[in-house]
Amino acid sequence: MSRYQTISVPVEVKATLEKAKGDKEWGAYLLDLYAAAEEAKKERALRRLRELLSDKELKEIAENAKEFRENLRLK
């Protein structure tokens, strides 16, 4: 059985979240919300990198990352 914890939030926040979550359980809804926020953060970071770096630099970073991951698997 799962353990539960109470999180205190202002009444207005709970009402807004409750409306958005619909029929979902609180745990599932909050985990989905967290996952969406993390994905959005990654997308913003990638977009910013694309603004700062050239296509050549991005390609080199991708190749280095791939090589690094392959070397990790070999060990």
Foldseek 3Di string as FASTA:
>chain_A
DDDDDDDDDDPVVVVVQPVVCDPDDPVVSVVVVVVVVVVVVVVVVVVVCPVVDDPVVVVVVVVVVVVVVVVVVVD
